[in-house]
Amino acid sequence: MKFDAQHSDQAVLKLLGERLAALRLERNLTQQQVAEQAGLGLRTLQRLELGATATQLSGFIRVCRVLGLVGNFESLLPEPAVSPIAQLKLQGKKRQRAAGKKATAPAAPRTWTWGEPE
């Protein structure tokens, strides 16, 4: 199964866990070996592989590091491309926050009077 935006959070966690387990088995590592190398408890690794929601992201990263997957995070969250115009505006400064959309107040309805063009 592929990742899809329509999947629930639980379905995504389950799929991530299944893939971690498959990669661990492909590398011929036991759960105990991966847990020890990642500095996690065995039960934590088991919950990760089951897709349990009570796991921490740091544990997931540690397991990925043991399995040699951290380099793949770049494709998961690529660095955003900055346009040349934005680079000129920033002039070497790092952007600190998003501007958001400016709320424009709706124009007050004009009262029409006889003799005025519409």
C-alpha atoms as a PDB file:
ATOM      1  CA  MET A   1       0.000   0.000   0.000  1.00  0.00           C
ATOM      2  CA  LYS A   2       1.228   3.517  -0.790  1.00  0.00           C
ATOM      3  CA  PHE A   3       0.912   6.590   1.392  1.00  0.00           C
ATOM      4  CA  ASP A   4      -2.124   8.633   0.492  1.00  0.00           C
ATOM      5  CA  ALA A   5      -3.559  11.885   1.839  1.00  0.00           C
ATOM      6  CA  GLN A   6      -6.890  10.111   2.380  1.00  0.00           C
ATOM      7  CA  HIS A   7      -5.380   7.670   4.904  1.00  0.00           C
ATOM      8  CA  SER A   8      -6.181   8.302   8.540  1.00  0.00           C
ATOM      9  CA  ASP A   9      -3.332   9.062  10.936  1.00  0.00           C
ATOM     10  CA  GLN A  10      -3.672   5.559  12.377  1.00  0.00           C
ATOM     11  CA  ALA A  11      -3.408   4.010   8.896  1.00  0.00           C
ATOM     12  CA  VAL A  12      -0.249   6.012   8.159  1.00  0.00           C
ATOM     13  CA  LEU A  13       1.306   4.963  11.481  1.00  0.00           C
ATOM     14  CA  LYS A  14       0.445   1.328  10.761  1.00  0.00           C
ATOM     15  CA  LEU A  15       2.002   1.534   7.297  1.00  0.00           C
ATOM     16  CA  LEU A  16       5.160   3.172   8.667  1.00  0.00           C
ATOM     17  CA  GLY A  17       5.417   0.444  11.293  1.00  0.00           C
ATOM     18  CA  GLU A  18       4.953  -2.312   8.729  1.00  0.00           C
ATOM     19  CA  ARG A  19       7.679  -0.829   6.544  1.00  0.00           C
ATOM     20  CA  LEU A  20      10.067  -0.491   9.483  1.00  0.00           C
ATOM     21  CA  ALA A  21       9.480  -4.129  10.393  1.00  0.00           C
ATOM     22  CA  ALA A  22      10.013  -5.250   6.794  1.00  0.00           C
ATOM     23  CA  LEU A  23      13.266  -3.297   6.517  1.00  0.00           C
ATOM     24  CA  ARG A  24      14.457  -4.675   9.843  1.00  0.00           C
ATOM     25  CA  LEU A  25      13.769  -8.218   8.663  1.00  0.00           C
ATOM     26  CA  GLU A  26      15.436  -7.493   5.310  1.00  0.00           C
ATOM     27  CA  ARG A  27      18.580  -6.518   7.229  1.00  0.00           C
ATOM     28  CA  ASN A  28      18.230  -9.713   9.293  1.00  0.00           C
ATOM     29  CA  LEU A  29      18.023  -7.867  12.613  1.00  0.00           C
ATOM     30  CA  THR A  30      15.913  -8.917  15.584  1.00  0.00           C
ATOM     31  CA  GLN A  31      13.688  -6.449  17.387  1.00  0.00           C
ATOM     32  CA  GLN A  32      15.982  -6.740  20.396  1.00  0.00           C
ATOM     33  CA  GLN A  33      19.068  -5.858  18.327  1.00  0.00           C
ATOM     34  CA  VAL A  34      17.428  -2.780  16.790  1.00  0.00           C
ATOM     35  CA  ALA A  35      16.034  -1.649  20.145  1.00  0.00           C
ATOM     36  CA  GLU A  36      19.468  -1.915  21.795  1.00  0.00           C
ATOM     37  CA  GLN A  37      21.273  -0.127  18.953  1.00  0.00           C
ATOM     38  CA  ALA A  38      18.627   2.630  18.936  1.00  0.00           C
ATOM     39  CA  GLY A  39      18.732   2.994  22.725  1.00  0.00           C
ATOM     40  CA  LEU A  40      15.055   2.086  23.057  1.00  0.00           C
ATOM     41  CA  GLY A  41      13.153  -0.478  25.018  1.00  0.00           C
ATOM     42  CA  LEU A  42      11.987  -3.579  23.195  1.00  0.00           C
ATOM     43  CA  ARG A  43       8.356  -2.686  23.867  1.00  0.00           C
ATOM     44  CA  THR A  44       8.851   0.778  22.327  1.00  0.00           C
ATOM     45  CA  LEU A  45      10.164  -0.762  19.123  1.00  0.00           C
ATOM     46  CA  GLN A  46       7.284  -3.231  19.090  1.00  0.00           C
ATOM     47  CA  ARG A  47       4.797  -0.369  19.425  1.00  0.00           C
ATOM     48  CA  LEU A  48       6.520   1.479  16.576  1.00  0.00           C
ATOM     49  CA  GLU A  49       6.253  -1.558  14.328  1.00  0.00           C
ATOM     50  CA  LEU A  50       2.580  -2.003  15.270  1.00  0.00           C
ATOM     51  CA  GLY A  51       1.833   1.637  14.481  1.00  0.00           C
ATOM     52  CA  ALA A  52       0.766   2.457  18.026  1.00  0.00           C
ATOM     53  CA  THR A  53      -0.017   6.120  18.572  1.00  0.00           C
ATOM     54  CA  ALA A  54       1.730   6.380  21.945  1.00  0.00           C
ATOM     55  CA  THR A  55       5.222   6.272  20.437  1.00  0.00           C
ATOM     56  CA  GLN A  56       7.549   9.255  20.195  1.00  0.00           C
ATOM     57  CA  LEU A  57       9.003  10.657  17.010  1.00  0.00           C
ATOM     58  CA  SER A  58      12.499  10.574  18.521  1.00  0.00           C
ATOM     59  CA  GLY A  59      12.233   6.788  18.878  1.00  0.00           C
ATOM     60  CA  PHE A  60      11.169   6.546  15.247  1.00  0.00           C
ATOM     61  CA  ILE A  61      14.219   8.580  14.201  1.00  0.00           C
ATOM     62  CA  ARG A  62      16.542   6.384  16.267  1.00  0.00           C
ATOM     63  CA  VAL A  63      15.192   3.223  14.628  1.00  0.00           C
ATOM     64  CA  CYS A  64      15.544   4.826  11.193  1.00  0.00           C
ATOM     65  CA  ARG A  65      19.150   5.696  12.045  1.00  0.00           C
ATOM     66  CA  VAL A  66      19.903   2.072  12.971  1.00  0.00           C
ATOM     67  CA  LEU A  67      18.301   0.873   9.729  1.00  0.00           C
ATOM     68  CA  GLY A  68      20.213   3.479   7.679  1.00  0.00           C
ATOM     69  CA  LEU A  69      17.121   5.416   6.629  1.00  0.00           C
ATOM     70  CA  VAL A  70      17.822   8.911   7.959  1.00  0.00           C
ATOM     71  CA  GLY A  71      19.193  10.016   4.583  1.00  0.00           C
ATOM     72  CA  ASN A  72      15.763   9.326   3.086  1.00  0.00           C
ATOM     73  CA  PHE A  73      14.146  12.024   5.237  1.00  0.00           C
ATOM     74  CA  GLU A  74      15.208  14.549   2.593  1.00  0.00           C
ATOM     75  CA  SER A  75      12.663  13.111   0.171  1.00  0.00           C
ATOM     76  CA  LEU A  76      10.022  13.132   2.903  1.00  0.00           C
ATOM     77  CA  LEU A  77      10.514  16.796   3.811  1.00  0.00           C
ATOM     78  CA  PRO A  78      12.571  18.508   1.114  1.00  0.00           C
ATOM     79  CA  GLU A  79      14.028  21.919   1.819  1.00  0.00           C
ATOM     80  CA  PRO A  80      11.721  24.550   0.323  1.00  0.00           C
ATOM     81  CA  ALA A  81      13.010  26.293  -2.783  1.00  0.00           C
ATOM     82  CA  VAL A  82      13.351  30.041  -2.460  1.00  0.00           C
ATOM     83  CA  SER A  83      12.582  32.144  -5.511  1.00  0.00           C
ATOM     84  CA  PRO A  84      15.243  34.581  -6.753  1.00  0.00           C
ATOM     85  CA  ILE A  85      12.963  37.521  -5.928  1.00  0.00           C
ATOM     86  CA  ALA A  86      12.506  36.283  -2.362  1.00  0.00           C
ATOM     87  CA  GLN A  87      16.281  35.876  -2.044  1.00  0.00           C
ATOM     88  CA  LEU A  88      16.783  39.486  -3.075  1.00  0.00           C
ATOM     89  CA  LYS A  89      14.194  40.663  -0.551  1.00  0.00           C
ATOM     90  CA  LEU A  90      15.793  38.694   2.270  1.00  0.00           C
ATOM     91  CA  GLN A  91      19.359  39.800   1.404  1.00  0.00           C
ATOM     92  CA  GLY A  92      20.926  36.974   3.394  1.00  0.00           C
ATOM     93  CA  LYS A  93      18.460  37.179   6.295  1.00  0.00           C
ATOM     94  CA  LYS A  94      16.629  34.060   7.369  1.00  0.00           C
ATOM     95  CA  ARG A  95      12.866  34.330   7.286  1.00  0.00           C
ATOM     96  CA  GLN A  96      11.479  34.189  10.822  1.00  0.00           C
ATOM     97  CA  ARG A  97       7.725  33.901  10.352  1.00  0.00           C
ATOM     98  CA  ALA A  98       4.934  33.675   7.835  1.00  0.00           C
ATOM     99  CA  ALA A  99       3.091  36.839   6.932  1.00  0.00           C
ATOM    100  CA  GLY A 100      -0.263  35.153   6.498  1.00  0.00           C
ATOM    101  CA  LYS A 101      -3.010  36.569   4.396  1.00  0.00           C
ATOM    102  CA  LYS A 102      -3.980  40.146   5.000  1.00  0.00           C
ATOM    103  CA  ALA A 103      -7.617  40.476   5.894  1.00  0.00           C
ATOM    104  CA  THR A 104      -9.310  43.080   3.785  1.00  0.00           C
ATOM    105  CA  ALA A 105     -12.378  44.726   5.186  1.00  0.00           C
ATOM    106  CA  PRO A 106     -15.360  44.408   2.900  1.00  0.00           C
ATOM    107  CA  ALA A 107     -16.227  47.698   1.252  1.00  0.00           C
ATOM    108  CA  ALA A 108     -19.272  49.342   2.742  1.00  0.00           C
ATOM    109  CA  PRO A 109     -22.163  49.250   0.326  1.00  0.00           C
ATOM    110  CA  ARG A 110     -22.656  52.564  -1.393  1.00  0.00           C
ATOM    111  CA  THR A 111     -26.082  54.063  -1.409  1.00  0.00           C
ATOM    112  CA  TRP A 112     -27.230  54.653  -4.946  1.00  0.00           C
ATOM    113  CA  THR A 113     -29.100  57.813  -5.778  1.00  0.00           C
ATOM    114  CA  TRP A 114     -30.985  58.847  -8.879  1.00  0.00           C
ATOM    115  CA  GLY A 115     -28.849  60.373 -11.563  1.00  0.00           C
ATOM    116  CA  GLU A 116     -25.638  58.511 -10.625  1.00  0.00           C
ATOM    117  CA  PRO A 117     -24.100  56.022 -13.041  1.00  0.00           C
ATOM    118  CA  GLU A 118     -24.142  52.471 -11.764  1.00  0.00           C
END
